[in-house]
Amino acid sequence: GGFMNSSDGEYVGNGFVKSTYTCKSCGHA
């Protein structure tokens, strides 16, 4: 239930940006 922080995104085409989100509390990504 923790907050997910985002990393810098990378453009992957068709207007989409891919980003990794990591939980501040448990580290789940």
PDB file of all heavy atoms in Angstrom:
ATOM      1  N   GLY A   1       0.797  -1.226   0.000  1.00  0.00           N
ATOM      2  CA  GLY A   1       0.000   0.000   0.000  1.00  0.00           C
ATOM      3  C   GLY A   1       0.824   1.268   0.000  1.00  0.00           C
ATOM      4  O   GLY A   1       0.285   2.363   0.109  1.00  0.00           O
ATOM      5  N   GLY A   2       2.157   1.135  -0.131  1.00  0.00           N
ATOM      6  CA  GLY A   2       3.045   2.295  -0.127  1.00  0.00           C
ATOM      7  C   GLY A   2       2.995   3.088  -1.424  1.00  0.00           C
ATOM      8  O   GLY A   2       2.374   2.680  -2.407  1.00  0.00           O
ATOM      9  N   PHE A   3       3.690   4.221  -1.419  1.00  0.00           N
ATOM     10  CA  PHE A   3       3.746   5.107  -2.590  1.00  0.00           C
ATOM     11  C   PHE A   3       4.817   4.622  -3.555  1.00  0.00           C
ATOM     12  O   PHE A   3       5.925   4.259  -3.149  1.00  0.00           O
ATOM     13  CB  PHE A   3       4.050   6.536  -2.157  1.00  0.00           C
ATOM     14  CG  PHE A   3       4.082   7.516  -3.290  1.00  0.00           C
ATOM     15  CD1 PHE A   3       2.907   7.973  -3.851  1.00  0.00           C
ATOM     16  CD2 PHE A   3       5.283   7.972  -3.796  1.00  0.00           C
ATOM     17  CE1 PHE A   3       2.928   8.880  -4.909  1.00  0.00           C
ATOM     18  CE2 PHE A   3       5.318   8.877  -4.849  1.00  0.00           C
ATOM     19  CZ  PHE A   3       4.133   9.331  -5.396  1.00  0.00           C
ATOM     20  N   MET A   4       4.507   4.632  -4.856  1.00  0.00           N
ATOM     21  CA  MET A   4       5.441   4.188  -5.888  1.00  0.00           C
ATOM     22  C   MET A   4       6.132   5.401  -6.507  1.00  0.00           C
ATOM     23  O   MET A   4       5.478   6.273  -7.069  1.00  0.00           O
ATOM     24  CB  MET A   4       4.705   3.402  -6.976  1.00  0.00           C
ATOM     25  CG  MET A   4       3.884   2.228  -6.499  1.00  0.00           C
ATOM     26  SD  MET A   4       4.841   0.831  -5.954  1.00  0.00           S
ATOM     27  CE  MET A   4       5.242   0.051  -7.497  1.00  0.00           C
ATOM     28  N   ASN A   5       7.463   5.474  -6.385  1.00  0.00           N
ATOM     29  CA  ASN A   5       8.259   6.522  -7.027  1.00  0.00           C
ATOM     30  C   ASN A   5       8.563   6.122  -8.457  1.00  0.00           C
ATOM     31  O   ASN A   5       8.794   4.948  -8.741  1.00  0.00           O
ATOM     32  CB  ASN A   5       9.587   6.719  -6.289  1.00  0.00           C
ATOM     33  CG  ASN A   5       9.432   7.469  -5.000  1.00  0.00           C
ATOM     34  OD1 ASN A   5       8.597   8.345  -4.881  1.00  0.00           O
ATOM     35  ND2 ASN A   5      10.232   7.110  -4.009  1.00  0.00           N
ATOM     36  N   SER A   6       8.622   7.093  -9.360  1.00  0.00           N
ATOM     37  CA  SER A   6       8.919   6.783 -10.761  1.00  0.00           C
ATOM     38  C   SER A   6      10.358   7.132 -11.098  1.00  0.00           C
ATOM     39  O   SER A   6      10.952   8.022 -10.509  1.00  0.00           O
ATOM     40  CB  SER A   6       7.976   7.532 -11.695  1.00  0.00           C
ATOM     41  OG  SER A   6       8.184   8.911 -11.582  1.00  0.00           O
ATOM     42  N   SER A   7      10.892   6.405 -12.073  1.00  0.00           N
ATOM     43  CA  SER A   7      12.218   6.714 -12.600  1.00  0.00           C
ATOM     44  C   SER A   7      12.042   7.546 -13.864  1.00  0.00           C
ATOM     45  O   SER A   7      10.922   7.785 -14.306  1.00  0.00           O
ATOM     46  CB  SER A   7      12.954   5.417 -12.928  1.00  0.00           C
ATOM     47  OG  SER A   7      12.286   4.737 -13.984  1.00  0.00           O
ATOM     48  N   ASP A   8      13.143   7.971 -14.442  1.00  0.00           N
ATOM     49  CA  ASP A   8      13.063   8.674 -15.721  1.00  0.00           C
ATOM     50  C   ASP A   8      12.522   7.720 -16.771  1.00  0.00           C
ATOM     51  O   ASP A   8      12.922   6.568 -16.850  1.00  0.00           O
ATOM     52  CB  ASP A   8      14.447   9.171 -16.151  1.00  0.00           C
ATOM     53  CG  ASP A   8      14.960  10.288 -15.260  1.00  0.00           C
ATOM     54  OD1 ASP A   8      14.127  10.981 -14.644  1.00  0.00           O
ATOM     55  OD2 ASP A   8      16.187  10.456 -15.179  1.00  0.00           O
ATOM     56  N   GLY A   9      11.609   8.213 -17.580  1.00  0.00           N
ATOM     57  CA  GLY A   9      10.998   7.379 -18.603  1.00  0.00           C
ATOM     58  C   GLY A   9      11.816   7.355 -19.884  1.00  0.00           C
ATOM     59  O   GLY A   9      12.671   8.206 -20.108  1.00  0.00           O
ATOM     60  N   GLU A  10      11.526   6.356 -20.703  1.00  0.00           N
ATOM     61  CA  GLU A  10      12.165   6.275 -22.011  1.00  0.00           C
ATOM     62  C   GLU A  10      11.087   6.162 -23.078  1.00  0.00           C
ATOM     63  O   GLU A  10      10.106   5.437 -22.900  1.00  0.00           O
ATOM     64  CB  GLU A  10      13.152   5.109 -22.087  1.00  0.00           C
ATOM     65  CG  GLU A  10      12.551   3.790 -22.478  1.00  0.00           C
ATOM     66  CD  GLU A  10      13.584   2.674 -22.587  1.00  0.00           C
ATOM     67  OE1 GLU A  10      14.071   2.257 -21.537  1.00  0.00           O
ATOM     68  OE2 GLU A  10      13.841   2.217 -23.712  1.00  0.00           O
ATOM     69  N   TYR A  11      11.250   6.890 -24.158  1.00  0.00           N
ATOM     70  CA  TYR A  11      10.283   6.880 -25.251  1.00  0.00           C
ATOM     71  C   TYR A  11      10.362   5.534 -25.963  1.00  0.00           C
ATOM     72  O   TYR A  11      11.441   5.079 -26.338  1.00  0.00           O
ATOM     73  CB  TYR A  11      10.574   8.021 -26.220  1.00  0.00           C
ATOM     74  CG  TYR A  11       9.601   8.084 -27.370  1.00  0.00           C
ATOM     75  CD1 TYR A  11       8.308   8.540 -27.173  1.00  0.00           C
ATOM     76  CD2 TYR A  11       9.970   7.669 -28.634  1.00  0.00           C
ATOM     77  CE1 TYR A  11       7.403   8.594 -28.218  1.00  0.00           C
ATOM     78  CE2 TYR A  11       9.076   7.722 -29.695  1.00  0.00           C
ATOM     79  CZ  TYR A  11       7.793   8.184 -29.476  1.00  0.00           C
ATOM     80  OH  TYR A  11       6.897   8.231 -30.508  1.00  0.00           O
ATOM     81  N   VAL A  12       9.208   4.870 -26.144  1.00  0.00           N
ATOM     82  CA  VAL A  12       9.188   3.547 -26.779  1.00  0.00           C
ATOM     83  C   VAL A  12       8.365   3.515 -28.058  1.00  0.00           C
ATOM     84  O   VAL A  12       8.127   2.449 -28.602  1.00  0.00           O
ATOM     85  CB  VAL A  12       8.687   2.454 -25.799  1.00  0.00           C
ATOM     86  CG1 VAL A  12       9.674   2.244 -24.682  1.00  0.00           C
ATOM     87  CG2 VAL A  12       7.320   2.771 -25.253  1.00  0.00           C
ATOM     88  N   GLY A  13       7.950   4.652 -28.574  1.00  0.00           N
ATOM     89  CA  GLY A  13       7.211   4.710 -29.835  1.00  0.00           C
ATOM     90  C   GLY A  13       5.719   4.869 -29.643  1.00  0.00           C
ATOM     91  O   GLY A  13       5.172   4.623 -28.568  1.00  0.00           O
ATOM     92  N   ASN A  14       5.038   5.283 -30.696  1.00  0.00           N
ATOM     93  CA  ASN A  14       3.586   5.513 -30.694  1.00  0.00           C
ATOM     94  C   ASN A  14       3.143   6.470 -29.597  1.00  0.00           C
ATOM     95  O   ASN A  14       2.027   6.370 -29.095  1.00  0.00           O
ATOM     96  CB  ASN A  14       2.815   4.207 -30.576  1.00  0.00           C
ATOM     97  CG  ASN A  14       2.707   3.486 -31.894  1.00  0.00           C
ATOM     98  OD1 ASN A  14       2.977   4.055 -32.942  1.00  0.00           O
ATOM     99  ND2 ASN A  14       2.322   2.232 -31.842  1.00  0.00           N
ATOM    100  N   GLY A  15       4.014   7.362 -29.167  1.00  0.00           N
ATOM    101  CA  GLY A  15       3.665   8.332 -28.142  1.00  0.00           C
ATOM    102  C   GLY A  15       3.736   7.794 -26.722  1.00  0.00           C
ATOM    103  O   GLY A  15       3.342   8.469 -25.785  1.00  0.00           O
ATOM    104  N   PHE A  16       4.221   6.571 -26.532  1.00  0.00           N
ATOM    105  CA  PHE A  16       4.303   5.972 -25.196  1.00  0.00           C
ATOM    106  C   PHE A  16       5.660   6.229 -24.551  1.00  0.00           C
ATOM    107  O   PHE A  16       6.694   6.220 -25.219  1.00  0.00           O
ATOM    108  CB  PHE A  16       4.081   4.458 -25.264  1.00  0.00           C
ATOM    109  CG  PHE A  16       2.644   4.055 -25.356  1.00  0.00           C
ATOM    110  CD1 PHE A  16       2.071   3.750 -26.576  1.00  0.00           C
ATOM    111  CD2 PHE A  16       1.859   3.969 -24.217  1.00  0.00           C
ATOM    112  CE1 PHE A  16       0.748   3.364 -26.667  1.00  0.00           C
ATOM    113  CE2 PHE A  16       0.530   3.596 -24.297  1.00  0.00           C
ATOM    114  CZ  PHE A  16      -0.024   3.292 -25.520  1.00  0.00           C
ATOM    115  N   VAL A  17       5.645   6.425 -23.243  1.00  0.00           N
ATOM    116  CA  VAL A  17       6.852   6.537 -22.437  1.00  0.00           C
ATOM    117  C   VAL A  17       6.813   5.419 -21.406  1.00  0.00           C
ATOM    118  O   VAL A  17       5.824   5.246 -20.688  1.00  0.00           O
ATOM    119  CB  VAL A  17       6.930   7.912 -21.731  1.00  0.00           C
ATOM    120  CG1 VAL A  17       8.126   7.967 -20.803  1.00  0.00           C
ATOM    121  CG2 VAL A  17       6.979   9.028 -22.751  1.00  0.00           C
ATOM    122  N   LYS A  18       7.886   4.627 -21.332  1.00  0.00           N
ATOM    123  CA  LYS A  18       7.965   3.502 -20.400  1.00  0.00           C
ATOM    124  C   LYS A  18       8.752   3.926 -19.166  1.00  0.00           C
ATOM    125  O   LYS A  18       9.836   4.501 -19.284  1.00  0.00           O
ATOM    126  CB  LYS A  18       8.648   2.314 -21.084  1.00  0.00           C
ATOM    127  CG  LYS A  18       8.723   1.073 -20.227  1.00  0.00           C
ATOM    128  CD  LYS A  18       9.249  -0.112 -21.012  1.00  0.00           C
ATOM    129  CE  LYS A  18      10.737  -0.061 -21.117  1.00  0.00           C
ATOM    130  NZ  LYS A  18      11.344  -1.270 -21.669  1.00  0.00           N
ATOM    131  N   SER A  19       8.207   3.650 -17.976  1.00  0.00           N
ATOM    132  CA  SER A  19       8.852   4.024 -16.718  1.00  0.00           C
ATOM    133  C   SER A  19       8.775   2.883 -15.715  1.00  0.00           C
ATOM    134  O   SER A  19       7.818   2.122 -15.707  1.00  0.00           O
ATOM    135  CB  SER A  19       8.171   5.245 -16.094  1.00  0.00           C
ATOM    136  OG  SER A  19       8.231   6.350 -16.949  1.00  0.00           O
ATOM    137  N   THR A  20       9.782   2.820 -14.857  1.00  0.00           N
ATOM    138  CA  THR A  20       9.783   1.871 -13.747  1.00  0.00           C
ATOM    139  C   THR A  20       9.340   2.613 -12.496  1.00  0.00           C
ATOM    140  O   THR A  20       9.810   3.711 -12.219  1.00  0.00           O
ATOM    141  CB  THR A  20      11.185   1.281 -13.535  1.00  0.00           C
ATOM    142  OG1 THR A  20      11.594   0.626 -14.729  1.00  0.00           O
ATOM    143  CG2 THR A  20      11.200   0.283 -12.384  1.00  0.00           C
ATOM    144  N   TYR A  21       8.432   2.019 -11.753  1.00  0.00           N
ATOM    145  CA  TYR A  21       7.940   2.579 -10.492  1.00  0.00           C
ATOM    146  C   TYR A  21       8.368   1.652  -9.362  1.00  0.00           C
ATOM    147  O   TYR A  21       8.158   0.443  -9.440  1.00  0.00           O
ATOM    148  CB  TYR A  21       6.412   2.707 -10.522  1.00  0.00           C
ATOM    149  CG  TYR A  21       5.938   3.714 -11.530  1.00  0.00           C
ATOM    150  CD1 TYR A  21       5.781   3.379 -12.863  1.00  0.00           C
ATOM    151  CD2 TYR A  21       5.664   5.018 -11.144  1.00  0.00           C
ATOM    152  CE1 TYR A  21       5.367   4.315 -13.808  1.00  0.00           C
ATOM    153  CE2 TYR A  21       5.242   5.963 -12.079  1.00  0.00           C
ATOM    154  CZ  TYR A  21       5.098   5.603 -13.397  1.00  0.00           C
ATOM    155  OH  TYR A  21       4.702   6.531 -14.315  1.00  0.00           O
ATOM    156  N   THR A  22       8.987   2.219  -8.309  1.00  0.00           N
ATOM    157  CA  THR A  22       9.489   1.436  -7.186  1.00  0.00           C
ATOM    158  C   THR A  22       8.851   1.931  -5.896  1.00  0.00           C
ATOM    159  O   THR A  22       8.816   3.135  -5.633  1.00  0.00           O
ATOM    160  CB  THR A  22      11.018   1.564  -7.082  1.00  0.00           C
ATOM    161  OG1 THR A  22      11.595   1.229  -8.348  1.00  0.00           O
ATOM    162  CG2 THR A  22      11.579   0.634  -6.026  1.00  0.00           C
ATOM    163  N   CYS A  23       8.372   0.996  -5.070  1.00  0.00           N
ATOM    164  CA  CYS A  23       7.722   1.341  -3.803  1.00  0.00           C
ATOM    165  C   CYS A  23       8.738   1.895  -2.814  1.00  0.00           C
ATOM    166  O   CYS A  23       9.820   1.319  -2.628  1.00  0.00           O
ATOM    167  CB  CYS A  23       7.033   0.109  -3.220  1.00  0.00           C
ATOM    168  SG  CYS A  23       6.199   0.443  -1.654  1.00  0.00           S
ATOM    169  N   LYS A  24       8.396   3.011  -2.155  1.00  0.00           N
ATOM    170  CA  LYS A  24       9.260   3.614  -1.145  1.00  0.00           C
ATOM    171  C   LYS A  24       9.388   2.721   0.084  1.00  0.00           C
ATOM    172  O   LYS A  24      10.416   2.723   0.740  1.00  0.00           O
ATOM    173  CB  LYS A  24       8.698   4.969  -0.710  1.00  0.00           C
ATOM    174  CG  LYS A  24       8.855   6.064  -1.730  1.00  0.00           C
ATOM    175  CD  LYS A  24       8.152   7.338  -1.312  1.00  0.00           C
ATOM    176  CE  LYS A  24       8.815   7.983  -0.123  1.00  0.00           C
ATOM    177  NZ  LYS A  24       8.234   9.302   0.184  1.00  0.00           N
ATOM    178  N   SER A  25       8.338   1.940   0.399  1.00  0.00           N
ATOM    179  CA  SER A  25       8.321   1.153   1.621  1.00  0.00           C
ATOM    180  C   SER A  25       8.985  -0.215   1.486  1.00  0.00           C
ATOM    181  O   SER A  25       9.840  -0.581   2.280  1.00  0.00           O
ATOM    182  CB  SER A  25       6.884   0.943   2.102  1.00  0.00           C
ATOM    183  OG  SER A  25       6.256   2.174   2.322  1.00  0.00           O
ATOM    184  N   CYS A  26       8.574  -0.977   0.462  1.00  0.00           N
ATOM    185  CA  CYS A  26       9.041  -2.367   0.373  1.00  0.00           C
ATOM    186  C   CYS A  26       9.981  -2.644  -0.798  1.00  0.00           C
ATOM    187  O   CYS A  26      10.537  -3.728  -0.899  1.00  0.00           O
ATOM    188  CB  CYS A  26       7.854  -3.329   0.321  1.00  0.00           C
ATOM    189  SG  CYS A  26       6.908  -3.273  -1.218  1.00  0.00           S
ATOM    190  N   GLY A  27      10.153  -1.685  -1.717  1.00  0.00           N
ATOM    191  CA  GLY A  27      11.065  -1.863  -2.834  1.00  0.00           C
ATOM    192  C   GLY A  27      10.492  -2.624  -4.016  1.00  0.00           C
ATOM    193  O   GLY A  27      11.194  -2.860  -4.995  1.00  0.00           O
ATOM    194  N   HIS A  28       9.224  -3.024  -3.958  1.00  0.00           N
ATOM    195  CA  HIS A  28       8.580  -3.721  -5.078  1.00  0.00           C
ATOM    196  C   HIS A  28       8.598  -2.810  -6.302  1.00  0.00           C
ATOM    197  O   HIS A  28       8.362  -1.613  -6.203  1.00  0.00           O
ATOM    198  CB  HIS A  28       7.135  -4.077  -4.690  1.00  0.00           C
ATOM    199  CG  HIS A  28       6.335  -4.692  -5.776  1.00  0.00           C
ATOM    200  ND1 HIS A  28       6.655  -5.889  -6.356  1.00  0.00           N
ATOM    201  CD2 HIS A  28       5.195  -4.274  -6.393  1.00  0.00           C
ATOM    202  CE1 HIS A  28       5.756  -6.185  -7.290  1.00  0.00           C
ATOM    203  NE2 HIS A  28       4.858  -5.212  -7.321  1.00  0.00           N
ATOM    204  N   ALA A  29       8.918  -3.374  -7.486  1.00  0.00           N
ATOM    205  CA  ALA A  29       9.023  -2.567  -8.705  1.00  0.00           C
ATOM    206  C   ALA A  29       8.064  -3.077  -9.780  1.00  0.00           C
ATOM    207  O   ALA A  29       7.825  -4.275  -9.890  1.00  0.00           O
ATOM    208  CB  ALA A  29      10.448  -2.593  -9.232  1.00  0.00           C
TER     209      ALA A  29
END
